[in-house]
Amino acid sequence: MSEENQRIDMHSHYYGGGLVDALRARQKRPYLRIRDDGAEMMVAMNGEFPFTEHYHDYMVGLADMKATGLTHRMLTFPGALGVDLLPVDEIATAIYDYNDFLAQLTKDTEGALIGLAGLPLADMDLACAEVRRIRRDLGLPGVILPSDYFNTLADMEEMRPLLKAANDYGCHIMLHPGLKVGEEPPARPTDNMQYRLSAVDLQSGASQVALTVILSDMLDAFPNITFQIVNLGGTLPFILERIESIARHRNPDEPFPTGRLRRLWYDCASLGPRALETAVKVLGADRIMLGSDYPIFKDDPYAHAVVPADLSEDEKAQVIWKTAQDLFALLEDKRQAALR
């Protein structure tokens, strides 16, 4: 297959790899239950949803990819579910098995499916050891971390030991909406919950995370880590000019470090052509990647977001495959340098 025919989905989730059995055995959130009509339901932190085969059968996912023309997909541990926050004696073995499964799945599918691992975050020493293992021994590109650890500079400090470990072999980190260990879900809105939580709050949260990373020392302290901010960086592309104005008028001696936004990577999951156009202008196509958020969303990101966008063919190619391919090549270079 020529490079020009590649379509690389860099934001999807996978609940299989042994997690299903662990979740069926639980009685507290998160867990799986059978509804009276026989449907299996995932009881998550903020409600429940039908747990269809799209969530845990990778063959169904591969069929979806074929139908939409995707050639590669990055699966991630279901970070928003909160499984990685559970006590290690309940979940660590299941997480290790899941990561092993992802590594084998990459081999079995000849690289069509690539995985971001989960970590047992309730024990920082174990989490650090596992992030080294998944890069050194399993060769997975990286991990997914709950973004609530990156809401503020103080929150981010809790992750410093893990970031030090991730830096050892080069590591990709997707910062995805999710709680910290011991953190309770926020109070639900009293109305229009889906829109307020899953759109307005989520997008604002992604912006907070990006701000934390670029306004900290983390990019310089851990140069072998690549950070992925989901959903085009939230609202950032649309409010950046206001942020820069605030800096000009209130902190004239400290201009906002806009250029540091281009040291992060972004995906366009669950967004459309108008948002993508703006993000490309602000962040650059060479920092933006295709994303579906499958199986939560099932739109074809290529047809839905890229094809209708007013972008050049070169910019579309960057988003569709080249940014992701360049990122994977960079990560592998960092890993091989550490192994030598």
C-alpha atoms as a PDB file:
ATOM      1  CA  MET A   1       0.000   0.000   0.000  1.00  0.00           C
ATOM      2  CA  SER A   2       1.364   3.413  -0.941  1.00  0.00           C
ATOM      3  CA  GLU A   3       1.689   6.072   1.713  1.00  0.00           C
ATOM      4  CA  GLU A   4      -0.843   8.231  -0.100  1.00  0.00           C
ATOM      5  CA  ASN A   5      -3.525   5.585   0.444  1.00  0.00           C
ATOM      6  CA  GLN A   6      -3.025   5.410   4.198  1.00  0.00           C
ATOM      7  CA  ARG A   7      -5.638   6.708   6.620  1.00  0.00           C
ATOM      8  CA  ILE A   8      -4.493   6.549  10.231  1.00  0.00           C
ATOM      9  CA  ASP A   9      -7.039   6.939  13.022  1.00  0.00           C
ATOM     10  CA  MET A  10      -5.198   8.226  16.105  1.00  0.00           C
ATOM     11  CA  HIS A  11      -8.043   8.321  18.613  1.00  0.00           C
ATOM     12  CA  SER A  12     -10.144   5.263  19.375  1.00  0.00           C
ATOM     13  CA  HIS A  13     -10.789   3.069  22.399  1.00  0.00           C
ATOM     14  CA  TYR A  14     -10.733  -0.657  23.070  1.00  0.00           C
ATOM     15  CA  TYR A  15     -12.317  -2.429  26.030  1.00  0.00           C
ATOM     16  CA  GLY A  16     -11.231  -6.000  25.197  1.00  0.00           C
ATOM     17  CA  GLY A  17      -7.937  -7.726  25.888  1.00  0.00           C
ATOM     18  CA  GLY A  18      -9.206  -9.423  29.037  1.00  0.00           C
ATOM     19  CA  LEU A  19     -10.849  -6.369  30.592  1.00  0.00           C
ATOM     20  CA  VAL A  20     -14.333  -7.689  29.858  1.00  0.00           C
ATOM     21  CA  ASP A  21     -13.946 -10.608  32.285  1.00  0.00           C
ATOM     22  CA  ALA A  22     -12.557  -8.321  34.967  1.00  0.00           C
ATOM     23  CA  LEU A  23     -15.461  -5.889  34.572  1.00  0.00           C
ATOM     24  CA  ARG A  24     -18.081  -8.645  34.587  1.00  0.00           C
ATOM     25  CA  ALA A  25     -16.710  -9.852  37.914  1.00  0.00           C
ATOM     26  CA  ARG A  26     -17.144  -6.426  39.543  1.00  0.00           C
ATOM     27  CA  GLN A  27     -20.187  -5.111  41.432  1.00  0.00           C
ATOM     28  CA  LYS A  28     -19.080  -1.477  41.764  1.00  0.00           C
ATOM     29  CA  ARG A  29     -18.515   1.151  39.074  1.00  0.00           C
ATOM     30  CA  PRO A  30     -17.064   0.498  36.605  1.00  0.00           C
ATOM     31  CA  TYR A  31     -18.695  -2.856  35.911  1.00  0.00           C
ATOM     32  CA  LEU A  32     -20.824  -4.728  33.384  1.00  0.00           C
ATOM     33  CA  ARG A  33     -24.402  -5.784  34.071  1.00  0.00           C
ATOM     34  CA  ILE A  34     -27.119  -7.560  32.128  1.00  0.00           C
ATOM     35  CA  ARG A  35     -30.312  -5.554  31.675  1.00  0.00           C
ATOM     36  CA  ASP A  36     -33.730  -7.203  32.037  1.00  0.00           C
ATOM     37  CA  ASP A  37     -34.057  -7.369  28.247  1.00  0.00           C
ATOM     38  CA  GLY A  38     -30.732  -9.240  27.984  1.00  0.00           C
ATOM     39  CA  ALA A  39     -28.623  -6.310  26.794  1.00  0.00           C
ATOM     40  CA  GLU A  40     -25.209  -5.949  28.405  1.00  0.00           C
ATOM     41  CA  MET A  41     -24.604  -2.495  29.884  1.00  0.00           C
ATOM     42  CA  MET A  42     -21.407  -0.754  30.929  1.00  0.00           C
ATOM     43  CA  VAL A  43     -22.008   1.015  34.228  1.00  0.00           C
ATOM     44  CA  ALA A  44     -19.455   3.814  34.107  1.00  0.00           C
ATOM     45  CA  MET A  45     -18.608   6.732  36.377  1.00  0.00           C
ATOM     46  CA  ASN A  46     -21.228   9.086  34.906  1.00  0.00           C
ATOM     47  CA  GLY A  47     -23.967   6.705  33.831  1.00  0.00           C
ATOM     48  CA  GLU A  48     -24.268   3.612  31.674  1.00  0.00           C
ATOM     49  CA  PHE A  49     -24.356   2.676  28.006  1.00  0.00           C
ATOM     50  CA  PRO A  50     -24.975  -0.431  25.871  1.00  0.00           C
ATOM     51  CA  PHE A  51     -21.783  -2.480  25.695  1.00  0.00           C
ATOM     52  CA  THR A  52     -21.869  -3.702  22.115  1.00  0.00           C
ATOM     53  CA  GLU A  53     -19.286  -5.787  20.280  1.00  0.00           C
ATOM     54  CA  HIS A  54     -17.794  -2.587  18.859  1.00  0.00           C
ATOM     55  CA  TYR A  55     -16.228  -1.960  22.252  1.00  0.00           C
ATOM     56  CA  HIS A  56     -14.448  -5.266  22.766  1.00  0.00           C
ATOM     57  CA  ASP A  57     -14.263  -7.279  19.516  1.00  0.00           C
ATOM     58  CA  TYR A  58     -11.327  -6.059  17.476  1.00  0.00           C
ATOM     59  CA  MET A  59     -12.544  -8.006  14.435  1.00  0.00           C
ATOM     60  CA  VAL A  60     -15.685  -5.845  14.428  1.00  0.00           C
ATOM     61  CA  GLY A  61     -13.418  -2.814  14.602  1.00  0.00           C
ATOM     62  CA  LEU A  62     -11.330  -4.050  11.692  1.00  0.00           C
ATOM     63  CA  ALA A  63     -14.512  -4.513   9.645  1.00  0.00           C
ATOM     64  CA  ASP A  64     -15.493  -0.941  10.487  1.00  0.00           C
ATOM     65  CA  MET A  65     -12.079   0.260   9.355  1.00  0.00           C
ATOM     66  CA  LYS A  66     -12.388  -1.580   6.066  1.00  0.00           C
ATOM     67  CA  ALA A  67     -15.863  -0.140   5.463  1.00  0.00           C
ATOM     68  CA  THR A  68     -14.651   3.424   6.014  1.00  0.00           C
ATOM     69  CA  GLY A  69     -11.280   3.069   4.296  1.00  0.00           C
ATOM     70  CA  LEU A  70      -9.123   3.411   7.398  1.00  0.00           C
ATOM     71  CA  THR A  71      -5.861   1.491   7.079  1.00  0.00           C
ATOM     72  CA  HIS A  72      -4.517   1.877  10.635  1.00  0.00           C
ATOM     73  CA  ARG A  73      -6.071   2.617  13.997  1.00  0.00           C
ATOM     74  CA  MET A  74      -4.537   3.440  17.354  1.00  0.00           C
ATOM     75  CA  LEU A  75      -6.514   1.686  20.087  1.00  0.00           C
ATOM     76  CA  THR A  76      -6.272   3.011  23.609  1.00  0.00           C
ATOM     77  CA  PHE A  77      -6.929   1.601  27.020  1.00  0.00           C
ATOM     78  CA  PRO A  78     -10.375   2.914  28.120  1.00  0.00           C
ATOM     79  CA  GLY A  79      -8.981   5.656  30.327  1.00  0.00           C
ATOM     80  CA  ALA A  80     -12.233   7.560  30.882  1.00  0.00           C
ATOM     81  CA  LEU A  81     -13.748   4.421  32.400  1.00  0.00           C
ATOM     82  CA  GLY A  82     -11.581   4.730  35.518  1.00  0.00           C
ATOM     83  CA  VAL A  83     -10.303   1.137  35.462  1.00  0.00           C
ATOM     84  CA  ASP A  84      -6.725   2.345  35.811  1.00  0.00           C
ATOM     85  CA  LEU A  85      -7.656   4.129  39.061  1.00  0.00           C
ATOM     86  CA  LEU A  86      -8.736   0.994  40.922  1.00  0.00           C
ATOM     87  CA  PRO A  87      -6.640  -0.560  43.721  1.00  0.00           C
ATOM     88  CA  VAL A  88      -3.755  -2.479  42.200  1.00  0.00           C
ATOM     89  CA  ASP A  89      -4.693  -5.754  43.877  1.00  0.00           C
ATOM     90  CA  GLU A  90      -7.983  -5.586  41.955  1.00  0.00           C
ATOM     91  CA  ILE A  91      -6.791  -4.500  38.527  1.00  0.00           C
ATOM     92  CA  ALA A  92      -2.998  -4.533  37.987  1.00  0.00           C
ATOM     93  CA  THR A  93      -2.854  -8.052  36.544  1.00  0.00           C
ATOM     94  CA  ALA A  94      -5.715  -7.294  34.158  1.00  0.00           C
ATOM     95  CA  ILE A  95      -3.920  -4.136  32.977  1.00  0.00           C
ATOM     96  CA  TYR A  96      -0.668  -6.029  32.375  1.00  0.00           C
ATOM     97  CA  ASP A  97      -2.546  -8.707  30.422  1.00  0.00           C
ATOM     98  CA  TYR A  98      -4.312  -6.038  28.381  1.00  0.00           C
ATOM     99  CA  ASN A  99      -0.997  -4.409  27.467  1.00  0.00           C
ATOM    100  CA  ASP A 100       0.470  -7.777  26.455  1.00  0.00           C
ATOM    101  CA  PHE A 101      -2.618  -8.376  24.318  1.00  0.00           C
ATOM    102  CA  LEU A 102      -2.224  -5.020  22.558  1.00  0.00           C
ATOM    103  CA  ALA A 103       1.392  -5.771  21.721  1.00  0.00           C
ATOM    104  CA  GLN A 104       0.442  -9.154  20.244  1.00  0.00           C
ATOM    105  CA  LEU A 105      -2.477  -7.591  18.385  1.00  0.00           C
ATOM    106  CA  THR A 106      -0.108  -5.222  16.605  1.00  0.00           C
ATOM    107  CA  LYS A 107       1.893  -8.209  15.391  1.00  0.00           C
ATOM    108  CA  ASP A 108      -1.162 -10.247  14.449  1.00  0.00           C
ATOM    109  CA  THR A 109      -2.628  -7.402  12.371  1.00  0.00           C
ATOM    110  CA  GLU A 110       0.745  -6.483  10.824  1.00  0.00           C
ATOM    111  CA  GLY A 111       0.579  -3.037  12.370  1.00  0.00           C
ATOM    112  CA  ALA A 112      -2.969  -2.180  11.322  1.00  0.00           C
ATOM    113  CA  LEU A 113      -3.903  -1.940  15.015  1.00  0.00           C
ATOM    114  CA  ILE A 114      -1.551  -0.059  17.301  1.00  0.00           C
ATOM    115  CA  GLY A 115      -2.078   0.339  21.035  1.00  0.00           C
ATOM    116  CA  LEU A 116      -1.687   2.850  23.835  1.00  0.00           C
ATOM    117  CA  ALA A 117      -1.324   1.003  27.116  1.00  0.00           C
ATOM    118  CA  GLY A 118      -2.994   1.459  30.466  1.00  0.00           C
ATOM    119  CA  LEU A 119      -1.167   1.837  33.778  1.00  0.00           C
ATOM    120  CA  PRO A 120      -2.029   0.858  37.386  1.00  0.00           C
ATOM    121  CA  LEU A 121      -2.108   4.462  38.555  1.00  0.00           C
ATOM    122  CA  ALA A 122      -2.994   3.702  42.173  1.00  0.00           C
ATOM    123  CA  ASP A 123       0.638   2.642  42.722  1.00  0.00           C
ATOM    124  CA  MET A 124       3.129   5.076  41.210  1.00  0.00           C
ATOM    125  CA  ASP A 125       6.074   2.663  41.454  1.00  0.00           C
ATOM    126  CA  LEU A 126       4.176  -0.023  39.541  1.00  0.00           C
ATOM    127  CA  ALA A 127       2.974   2.535  37.008  1.00  0.00           C
ATOM    128  CA  CYS A 128       6.539   3.713  36.400  1.00  0.00           C
ATOM    129  CA  ALA A 129       7.777   0.155  35.975  1.00  0.00           C
ATOM    130  CA  GLU A 130       4.976  -0.626  33.534  1.00  0.00           C
ATOM    131  CA  VAL A 131       5.554   2.420  31.344  1.00  0.00           C
ATOM    132  CA  ARG A 132       9.176   1.350  30.980  1.00  0.00           C
ATOM    133  CA  ARG A 133       8.103  -2.210  30.162  1.00  0.00           C
ATOM    134  CA  ILE A 134       5.615  -1.234  27.495  1.00  0.00           C
ATOM    135  CA  ARG A 135       8.259   0.851  25.708  1.00  0.00           C
ATOM    136  CA  ARG A 136      11.362  -1.269  26.284  1.00  0.00           C
ATOM    137  CA  ASP A 137       9.912  -4.773  26.015  1.00  0.00           C
ATOM    138  CA  LEU A 138       6.509  -4.552  24.307  1.00  0.00           C
ATOM    139  CA  GLY A 139       7.330  -1.792  21.851  1.00  0.00           C
ATOM    140  CA  LEU A 140       3.951  -0.098  22.240  1.00  0.00           C
ATOM    141  CA  PRO A 141       4.146   3.611  21.358  1.00  0.00           C
ATOM    142  CA  GLY A 142       2.925   4.908  24.685  1.00  0.00           C
ATOM    143  CA  VAL A 143       0.155   5.257  27.248  1.00  0.00           C
ATOM    144  CA  ILE A 144      -3.085   7.062  27.945  1.00  0.00           C
ATOM    145  CA  LEU A 145      -3.330   9.190  31.101  1.00  0.00           C
ATOM    146  CA  PRO A 146      -6.349  10.847  32.758  1.00  0.00           C
ATOM    147  CA  SER A 147      -6.307  14.537  31.932  1.00  0.00           C
ATOM    148  CA  ASP A 148      -7.358  15.590  35.440  1.00  0.00           C
ATOM    149  CA  TYR A 149      -3.703  15.041  36.360  1.00  0.00           C
ATOM    150  CA  PHE A 150      -2.921  17.936  34.008  1.00  0.00           C
ATOM    151  CA  ASN A 151      -5.629  20.442  34.919  1.00  0.00           C
ATOM    152  CA  THR A 152      -3.159  22.560  36.907  1.00  0.00           C
ATOM    153  CA  LEU A 153       0.570  22.769  37.476  1.00  0.00           C
ATOM    154  CA  ALA A 154       0.082  21.307  40.958  1.00  0.00           C
ATOM    155  CA  ASP A 155      -1.850  18.352  39.540  1.00  0.00           C
ATOM    156  CA  MET A 156       0.901  17.773  37.003  1.00  0.00           C
ATOM    157  CA  GLU A 157       3.543  17.567  39.734  1.00  0.00           C
ATOM    158  CA  GLU A 158       1.899  14.342  40.926  1.00  0.00           C
ATOM    159  CA  MET A 159       2.798  12.819  37.560  1.00  0.00           C
ATOM    160  CA  ARG A 160       6.441  13.902  37.539  1.00  0.00           C
ATOM    161  CA  PRO A 161       7.834  10.480  38.601  1.00  0.00           C
ATOM    162  CA  LEU A 162       5.823   8.804  35.856  1.00  0.00           C
ATOM    163  CA  LEU A 163       6.920  11.372  33.285  1.00  0.00           C
ATOM    164  CA  LYS A 164      10.543  10.735  34.252  1.00  0.00           C
ATOM    165  CA  ALA A 165      10.011   7.028  33.586  1.00  0.00           C
ATOM    166  CA  ALA A 166       8.190   7.704  30.323  1.00  0.00           C
ATOM    167  CA  ASN A 167      11.058   9.850  29.152  1.00  0.00           C
ATOM    168  CA  ASP A 168      13.573   6.992  29.446  1.00  0.00           C
ATOM    169  CA  TYR A 169      12.632   5.232  26.204  1.00  0.00           C
ATOM    170  CA  GLY A 170      10.618   7.940  24.498  1.00  0.00           C
ATOM    171  CA  CYS A 171       6.881   7.718  25.018  1.00  0.00           C
ATOM    172  CA  HIS A 172       3.693   9.010  23.472  1.00  0.00           C
ATOM    173  CA  ILE A 173       1.115  10.148  26.030  1.00  0.00           C
ATOM    174  CA  MET A 174      -2.504  10.808  25.144  1.00  0.00           C
ATOM    175  CA  LEU A 175      -4.068  13.117  27.713  1.00  0.00           C
ATOM    176  CA  HIS A 176      -7.671  12.000  27.689  1.00  0.00           C
ATOM    177  CA  PRO A 177     -10.587  13.108  29.904  1.00  0.00           C
ATOM    178  CA  GLY A 178     -10.489  11.072  33.081  1.00  0.00           C
ATOM    179  CA  LEU A 179     -10.359  11.346  36.871  1.00  0.00           C
ATOM    180  CA  LYS A 180      -7.416  11.140  39.253  1.00  0.00           C
ATOM    181  CA  VAL A 181      -7.033   8.292  41.726  1.00  0.00           C
ATOM    182  CA  GLY A 182      -9.445   8.918  44.597  1.00  0.00           C
ATOM    183  CA  GLU A 183     -11.222  11.749  42.808  1.00  0.00           C
ATOM    184  CA  GLU A 184     -15.010  11.760  42.747  1.00  0.00           C
ATOM    185  CA  PRO A 185     -16.870  12.568  39.531  1.00  0.00           C
ATOM    186  CA  PRO A 186     -18.016  16.206  39.441  1.00  0.00           C
ATOM    187  CA  ALA A 187     -21.626  17.058  40.130  1.00  0.00           C
ATOM    188  CA  ARG A 188     -23.822  16.528  37.120  1.00  0.00           C
ATOM    189  CA  PRO A 189     -25.501  19.509  35.464  1.00  0.00           C
ATOM    190  CA  THR A 190     -29.183  19.846  36.285  1.00  0.00           C
ATOM    191  CA  ASP A 191     -30.142  20.053  32.616  1.00  0.00           C
ATOM    192  CA  ASN A 192     -28.856  19.226  29.138  1.00  0.00           C
ATOM    193  CA  MET A 193     -26.215  17.006  30.716  1.00  0.00           C
ATOM    194  CA  GLN A 194     -24.880  15.403  27.538  1.00  0.00           C
ATOM    195  CA  TYR A 195     -24.168  18.710  25.834  1.00  0.00           C
ATOM    196  CA  ARG A 196     -22.800  20.453  28.902  1.00  0.00           C
ATOM    197  CA  LEU A 197     -20.547  17.567  29.997  1.00  0.00           C
ATOM    198  CA  SER A 198     -19.594  15.870  26.733  1.00  0.00           C
ATOM    199  CA  ALA A 199     -19.140  18.993  24.633  1.00  0.00           C
ATOM    200  CA  VAL A 200     -18.772  22.296  26.488  1.00  0.00           C
ATOM    201  CA  ASP A 201     -17.006  21.043  29.623  1.00  0.00           C
ATOM    202  CA  LEU A 202     -14.936  18.443  27.771  1.00  0.00           C
ATOM    203  CA  GLN A 203     -13.636  20.923  25.211  1.00  0.00           C
ATOM    204  CA  SER A 204     -12.843  23.492  27.861  1.00  0.00           C
ATOM    205  CA  GLY A 205     -11.042  20.814  29.851  1.00  0.00           C
ATOM    206  CA  ALA A 206      -8.856  19.863  26.885  1.00  0.00           C
ATOM    207  CA  SER A 207      -7.795  23.511  26.612  1.00  0.00           C
ATOM    208  CA  GLN A 208      -6.858  23.625  30.289  1.00  0.00           C
ATOM    209  CA  VAL A 209      -4.692  20.543  29.817  1.00  0.00           C
ATOM    210  CA  ALA A 210      -2.852  22.006  26.838  1.00  0.00           C
ATOM    211  CA  LEU A 211      -2.227  25.220  28.773  1.00  0.00           C
ATOM    212  CA  THR A 212      -0.798  23.280  31.710  1.00  0.00           C
ATOM    213  CA  VAL A 213       1.659  21.394  29.516  1.00  0.00           C
ATOM    214  CA  ILE A 214       2.948  24.368  27.549  1.00  0.00           C
ATOM    215  CA  LEU A 215       3.152  26.681  30.573  1.00  0.00           C
ATOM    216  CA  SER A 216       5.107  24.142  32.638  1.00  0.00           C
ATOM    217  CA  ASP A 217       8.685  22.926  32.290  1.00  0.00           C
ATOM    218  CA  MET A 218       7.565  19.474  31.132  1.00  0.00           C
ATOM    219  CA  LEU A 219       8.308  19.875  27.422  1.00  0.00           C
ATOM    220  CA  ASP A 220      11.899  20.828  28.226  1.00  0.00           C
ATOM    221  CA  ALA A 221      12.408  18.540  31.221  1.00  0.00           C
ATOM    222  CA  PHE A 222      11.158  15.469  29.336  1.00  0.00           C
ATOM    223  CA  PRO A 223      12.038  15.968  25.667  1.00  0.00           C
ATOM    224  CA  ASN A 224      11.513  12.295  24.783  1.00  0.00           C
ATOM    225  CA  ILE A 225       7.789  12.487  25.553  1.00  0.00           C
ATOM    226  CA  THR A 226       5.264  13.449  22.900  1.00  0.00           C
ATOM    227  CA  PHE A 227       1.941  14.718  24.236  1.00  0.00           C
ATOM    228  CA  GLN A 228      -1.343  14.286  22.366  1.00  0.00           C
ATOM    229  CA  ILE A 229      -4.199  16.634  23.233  1.00  0.00           C
ATOM    230  CA  VAL A 230      -7.546  15.255  22.146  1.00  0.00           C
ATOM    231  CA  ASN A 231     -10.265  16.968  20.104  1.00  0.00           C
ATOM    232  CA  LEU A 232      -8.070  19.612  18.431  1.00  0.00           C
ATOM    233  CA  GLY A 233      -6.960  21.013  21.771  1.00  0.00           C
ATOM    234  CA  GLY A 234     -10.482  21.797  22.898  1.00  0.00           C
ATOM    235  CA  THR A 235     -11.447  25.443  22.538  1.00  0.00           C
ATOM    236  CA  LEU A 236      -7.842  26.668  22.237  1.00  0.00           C
ATOM    237  CA  PRO A 237      -7.779  27.268  18.460  1.00  0.00           C
ATOM    238  CA  PHE A 238     -10.862  29.461  18.793  1.00  0.00           C
ATOM    239  CA  ILE A 239      -9.813  31.527  21.833  1.00  0.00           C
ATOM    240  CA  LEU A 240      -6.075  31.794  21.193  1.00  0.00           C
ATOM    241  CA  GLU A 241      -6.342  35.358  19.908  1.00  0.00           C
ATOM    242  CA  ARG A 242      -8.086  36.385  23.131  1.00  0.00           C
ATOM    243  CA  ILE A 243      -5.382  34.667  25.179  1.00  0.00           C
ATOM    244  CA  GLU A 244      -2.711  36.546  23.241  1.00  0.00           C
ATOM    245  CA  SER A 245      -4.619  39.808  23.771  1.00  0.00           C
ATOM    246  CA  ILE A 246      -4.769  39.176  27.507  1.00  0.00           C
ATOM    247  CA  ALA A 247      -1.014  38.683  27.553  1.00  0.00           C
ATOM    248  CA  ARG A 248      -0.390  41.873  25.502  1.00  0.00           C
ATOM    249  CA  HIS A 249      -2.569  44.060  27.701  1.00  0.00           C
ATOM    250  CA  ARG A 250      -2.039  42.574  31.132  1.00  0.00           C
ATOM    251  CA  ASN A 251       1.411  41.009  30.895  1.00  0.00           C
ATOM    252  CA  PRO A 252       3.189  43.033  28.194  1.00  0.00           C
ATOM    253  CA  ASP A 253       6.600  41.812  29.317  1.00  0.00           C
ATOM    254  CA  GLU A 254       5.515  38.155  29.132  1.00  0.00           C
ATOM    255  CA  PRO A 255       3.930  37.412  25.748  1.00  0.00           C
ATOM    256  CA  PHE A 256       1.930  34.214  25.552  1.00  0.00           C
ATOM    257  CA  PRO A 257       4.190  31.367  24.275  1.00  0.00           C
ATOM    258  CA  THR A 258       2.017  30.524  21.275  1.00  0.00           C
ATOM    259  CA  GLY A 259       4.859  28.699  19.570  1.00  0.00           C
ATOM    260  CA  ARG A 260       4.908  26.040  22.296  1.00  0.00           C
ATOM    261  CA  LEU A 261       1.492  24.827  21.140  1.00  0.00           C
ATOM    262  CA  ARG A 262       3.309  23.406  18.117  1.00  0.00           C
ATOM    263  CA  ARG A 263       5.310  21.155  20.421  1.00  0.00           C
ATOM    264  CA  LEU A 264       2.133  19.148  21.071  1.00  0.00           C
ATOM    265  CA  TRP A 265       0.133  16.824  18.829  1.00  0.00           C
ATOM    266  CA  TYR A 266      -3.651  16.917  18.347  1.00  0.00           C
ATOM    267  CA  ASP A 267      -6.395  14.733  16.893  1.00  0.00           C
ATOM    268  CA  CYS A 268      -9.673  15.783  15.293  1.00  0.00           C
ATOM    269  CA  ALA A 269     -11.845  13.138  16.981  1.00  0.00           C
ATOM    270  CA  SER A 270     -15.609  13.884  16.987  1.00  0.00           C
ATOM    271  CA  LEU A 271     -15.152  17.263  15.289  1.00  0.00           C
ATOM    272  CA  GLY A 272     -15.887  18.458  11.776  1.00  0.00           C
ATOM    273  CA  PRO A 273     -14.478  20.411   8.831  1.00  0.00           C
ATOM    274  CA  ARG A 274     -14.941  23.956  10.169  1.00  0.00           C
ATOM    275  CA  ALA A 275     -13.163  23.145  13.417  1.00  0.00           C
ATOM    276  CA  LEU A 276     -10.415  21.347  11.497  1.00  0.00           C
ATOM    277  CA  GLU A 277      -9.858  24.335   9.199  1.00  0.00           C
ATOM    278  CA  THR A 278      -9.398  26.655  12.174  1.00  0.00           C
ATOM    279  CA  ALA A 279      -7.076  24.273  13.982  1.00  0.00           C
ATOM    280  CA  VAL A 280      -4.886  23.823  10.901  1.00  0.00           C
ATOM    281  CA  LYS A 281      -4.522  27.591  10.570  1.00  0.00           C
ATOM    282  CA  VAL A 282      -3.644  28.015  14.231  1.00  0.00           C
ATOM    283  CA  LEU A 283      -1.656  24.864  15.033  1.00  0.00           C
ATOM    284  CA  GLY A 284      -0.443  23.627  11.636  1.00  0.00           C
ATOM    285  CA  ALA A 285      -1.437  20.498   9.737  1.00  0.00           C
ATOM    286  CA  ASP A 286       1.842  18.846  10.718  1.00  0.00           C
ATOM    287  CA  ARG A 287       0.616  18.732  14.312  1.00  0.00           C
ATOM    288  CA  ILE A 288      -2.891  17.408  13.625  1.00  0.00           C
ATOM    289  CA  MET A 289      -3.988  13.801  13.102  1.00  0.00           C
ATOM    290  CA  LEU A 290      -7.122  11.980  12.081  1.00  0.00           C
ATOM    291  CA  GLY A 291      -9.284  10.750  14.953  1.00  0.00           C
ATOM    292  CA  SER A 292     -12.639   9.005  15.252  1.00  0.00           C
ATOM    293  CA  ASP A 293     -13.303   8.360  18.986  1.00  0.00           C
ATOM    294  CA  TYR A 294     -14.607   4.955  17.864  1.00  0.00           C
ATOM    295  CA  PRO A 295     -16.663   3.179  19.150  1.00  0.00           C
ATOM    296  CA  ILE A 296     -18.238   6.065  21.070  1.00  0.00           C
ATOM    297  CA  PHE A 297     -18.626   7.911  17.761  1.00  0.00           C
ATOM    298  CA  LYS A 298     -18.885   6.001  14.519  1.00  0.00           C
ATOM    299  CA  ASP A 299     -18.540   8.751  11.892  1.00  0.00           C
ATOM    300  CA  ASP A 300     -15.866   8.181   9.263  1.00  0.00           C
ATOM    301  CA  PRO A 301     -13.427  10.968  10.219  1.00  0.00           C
ATOM    302  CA  TYR A 302     -12.001  11.133   6.700  1.00  0.00           C
ATOM    303  CA  ALA A 303     -15.353  11.659   4.966  1.00  0.00           C
ATOM    304  CA  HIS A 304     -16.902  13.641   7.805  1.00  0.00           C
ATOM    305  CA  ALA A 305     -14.104  16.062   8.702  1.00  0.00           C
ATOM    306  CA  VAL A 306     -11.301  16.055   6.138  1.00  0.00           C
ATOM    307  CA  VAL A 307     -12.982  15.766   2.741  1.00  0.00           C
ATOM    308  CA  PRO A 308     -15.303  18.788   3.201  1.00  0.00           C
ATOM    309  CA  ALA A 309     -12.608  20.942   4.820  1.00  0.00           C
ATOM    310  CA  ASP A 310     -11.199  23.919   2.927  1.00  0.00           C
ATOM    311  CA  LEU A 311      -7.613  22.696   3.102  1.00  0.00           C
ATOM    312  CA  SER A 312      -4.924  22.094   0.526  1.00  0.00           C
ATOM    313  CA  GLU A 313      -4.233  18.547  -0.601  1.00  0.00           C
ATOM    314  CA  ASP A 314      -0.898  18.651   1.224  1.00  0.00           C
ATOM    315  CA  GLU A 315      -2.616  19.747   4.440  1.00  0.00           C
ATOM    316  CA  LYS A 316      -5.187  16.975   4.095  1.00  0.00           C
ATOM    317  CA  ALA A 317      -2.436  14.413   3.561  1.00  0.00           C
ATOM    318  CA  GLN A 318      -0.716  15.596   6.738  1.00  0.00           C
ATOM    319  CA  VAL A 319      -3.880  15.114   8.769  1.00  0.00           C
ATOM    320  CA  ILE A 320      -4.867  11.818   7.149  1.00  0.00           C
ATOM    321  CA  TRP A 321      -1.566   9.986   7.573  1.00  0.00           C
ATOM    322  CA  LYS A 322       1.688  11.915   7.438  1.00  0.00           C
ATOM    323  CA  THR A 323       1.625  13.595  10.865  1.00  0.00           C
ATOM    324  CA  ALA A 324       0.915  10.233  12.511  1.00  0.00           C
ATOM    325  CA  GLN A 325       3.534   8.409  10.471  1.00  0.00           C
ATOM    326  CA  ASP A 326       6.166  11.029  11.314  1.00  0.00           C
ATOM    327  CA  LEU A 327       5.223  10.798  14.983  1.00  0.00           C
ATOM    328  CA  PHE A 328       5.607   7.005  15.060  1.00  0.00           C
ATOM    329  CA  ALA A 329       8.972   7.280  13.304  1.00  0.00           C
ATOM    330  CA  LEU A 330      10.138   9.837  15.871  1.00  0.00           C
ATOM    331  CA  LEU A 331       9.057   7.620  18.758  1.00  0.00           C
ATOM    332  CA  GLU A 332      10.810   4.586  17.333  1.00  0.00           C
ATOM    333  CA  ASP A 333      14.015   6.592  16.847  1.00  0.00           C
ATOM    334  CA  LYS A 334      13.874   7.630  20.506  1.00  0.00           C
ATOM    335  CA  ARG A 335      13.241   4.065  21.635  1.00  0.00           C
ATOM    336  CA  GLN A 336      16.091   2.605  19.582  1.00  0.00           C
ATOM    337  CA  ALA A 337      18.474   5.282  20.829  1.00  0.00           C
ATOM    338  CA  ALA A 338      17.608   4.327  24.424  1.00  0.00           C
ATOM    339  CA  LEU A 339      18.064   0.611  23.732  1.00  0.00           C
ATOM    340  CA  ARG A 340      21.548   1.054  22.327  1.00  0.00           C
END
